[in-house]
Protein backbone atom coordinates (compact mmCIF):
# COMPACT_ATOMS: atom_id res chain seq x y z
CA MET A 1 -144.95 166.87 -9.52
CA PRO A 2 -141.79 167.21 -11.65
CA GLY A 3 -139.37 164.23 -11.65
CA VAL A 4 -136.50 166.37 -10.27
CA LEU A 5 -138.69 167.04 -7.11
CA LEU A 6 -139.33 163.35 -6.75
CA ILE A 7 -135.65 162.76 -6.75
CA GLU A 8 -135.01 165.68 -4.37
CA CYS A 9 -137.65 164.22 -1.98
CA ALA A 10 -135.85 160.82 -2.05
CA ALA A 11 -132.45 162.49 -1.45
CA GLN A 12 -133.82 164.50 1.44
CA THR A 13 -135.29 161.31 3.06
CA ALA A 14 -132.03 159.44 2.49
CA GLY A 15 -130.14 162.22 4.10
CA ALA A 16 -132.42 162.20 7.16
CA LEU A 17 -131.90 158.45 7.41
CA TRP A 18 -128.08 158.70 7.15
CA ALA A 19 -128.03 161.59 9.64
CA THR A 20 -129.89 159.52 12.29
CA ALA A 21 -127.69 156.41 11.64
CA GLU A 22 -124.26 158.12 11.68
CA ALA A 23 -124.66 161.70 12.70
CA PRO A 24 -123.15 163.61 9.72
CA LYS A 25 -125.05 166.87 9.22
CA HIS A 26 -124.59 167.98 5.55
CA PHE A 27 -125.01 165.96 2.37
CA VAL A 28 -124.98 166.54 -1.37
CA LEU A 29 -126.67 164.45 -3.99
CA ALA A 30 -123.67 162.86 -5.77
CA GLN A 31 -125.37 160.56 -8.24
CA VAL A 32 -128.80 159.42 -9.51
CA MET A 33 -128.68 155.87 -10.79
CA GLN A 34 -131.42 153.70 -12.47
CA PHE A 35 -134.16 156.09 -11.49
CA LYS A 36 -137.42 155.39 -13.19
CA LEU A 37 -140.46 157.58 -13.09
CA GLN A 38 -143.48 155.24 -13.61
CA GLN A 39 -146.56 157.30 -12.94
CA PRO A 40 -147.36 160.99 -12.37
CA VAL A 41 -147.89 162.49 -8.93
CA ARG A 42 -150.76 164.95 -8.93
CA PRO A 43 -151.59 167.88 -6.60
CA GLY A 44 -153.24 166.76 -3.48
CA GLU A 45 -151.73 163.26 -3.48
CA THR A 46 -149.63 162.10 -0.48
CA LEU A 47 -146.21 160.83 -1.46
CA GLU A 48 -144.68 158.08 0.66
CA THR A 49 -140.86 157.65 0.42
CA GLU A 50 -138.96 154.49 1.42
CA VAL A 51 -135.22 154.52 1.53
CA VAL A 52 -132.81 151.68 2.33
CA LEU A 53 -129.10 152.22 2.99
CA GLU A 54 -127.51 149.69 0.68
CA ASN A 55 -123.78 150.43 0.84
CA ARG A 56 -121.41 152.88 2.53
CA LEU A 57 -117.87 153.64 1.42
CA GLY A 58 -116.15 156.37 3.35
CA GLN A 59 -117.99 159.57 2.85
CA LEU A 60 -120.38 158.14 0.18
CA ALA A 61 -123.54 156.16 0.85
CA GLN A 62 -125.80 154.47 -1.72
CA PHE A 63 -129.55 154.14 -1.12
CA ALA A 64 -132.36 152.25 -2.77
CA VAL A 65 -135.50 154.46 -3.00
CA THR A 66 -139.08 153.75 -3.70
CA LEU A 67 -141.84 156.46 -3.94
CA ARG A 68 -145.50 155.51 -3.54
CA VAL A 69 -148.92 157.22 -3.72
CA GLU A 70 -151.60 155.16 -2.01
CA GLN A 71 -149.49 151.98 -2.23
CA ARG A 72 -149.04 152.52 -5.95
CA GLU A 73 -145.36 152.76 -6.94
CA VAL A 74 -144.67 156.02 -8.79
CA ALA A 75 -140.83 155.97 -8.95
CA ARG A 76 -137.92 153.80 -8.08
CA GLY A 77 -134.16 153.96 -8.23
CA ARG A 78 -130.82 154.46 -6.48
CA ILE A 79 -129.11 157.57 -5.29
CA VAL A 80 -125.68 158.26 -3.93
CA LEU A 81 -125.13 160.95 -1.21
CA SER A 82 -121.78 162.41 -0.26
CA GLN A 83 -120.55 164.50 2.57
CA PRO A 84 -119.30 167.73 0.93
CA SER A 85 -115.62 167.24 1.87
CA ALA A 86 -115.62 164.05 -0.27
CA LEU A 87 -116.30 165.92 -3.58
């Protein structure tokens, strides 16, 4: 699975978390920080995504993300999401 899709998966999960917490409906990926791809994800493997809201400032929110396959960490980093009107 390409790294860009792993980041997109993390961003989608973070957006779902933020939407349930505060009810905004639309987000854009504003920044990818310290994202490290550690191991490949192969076809047929199930990807588990963990996101934690770390900080919120106005229309921006920063999340810590960890992606795992069978409890083996495959990627980790931080992403920032923004509501489109903040850009």
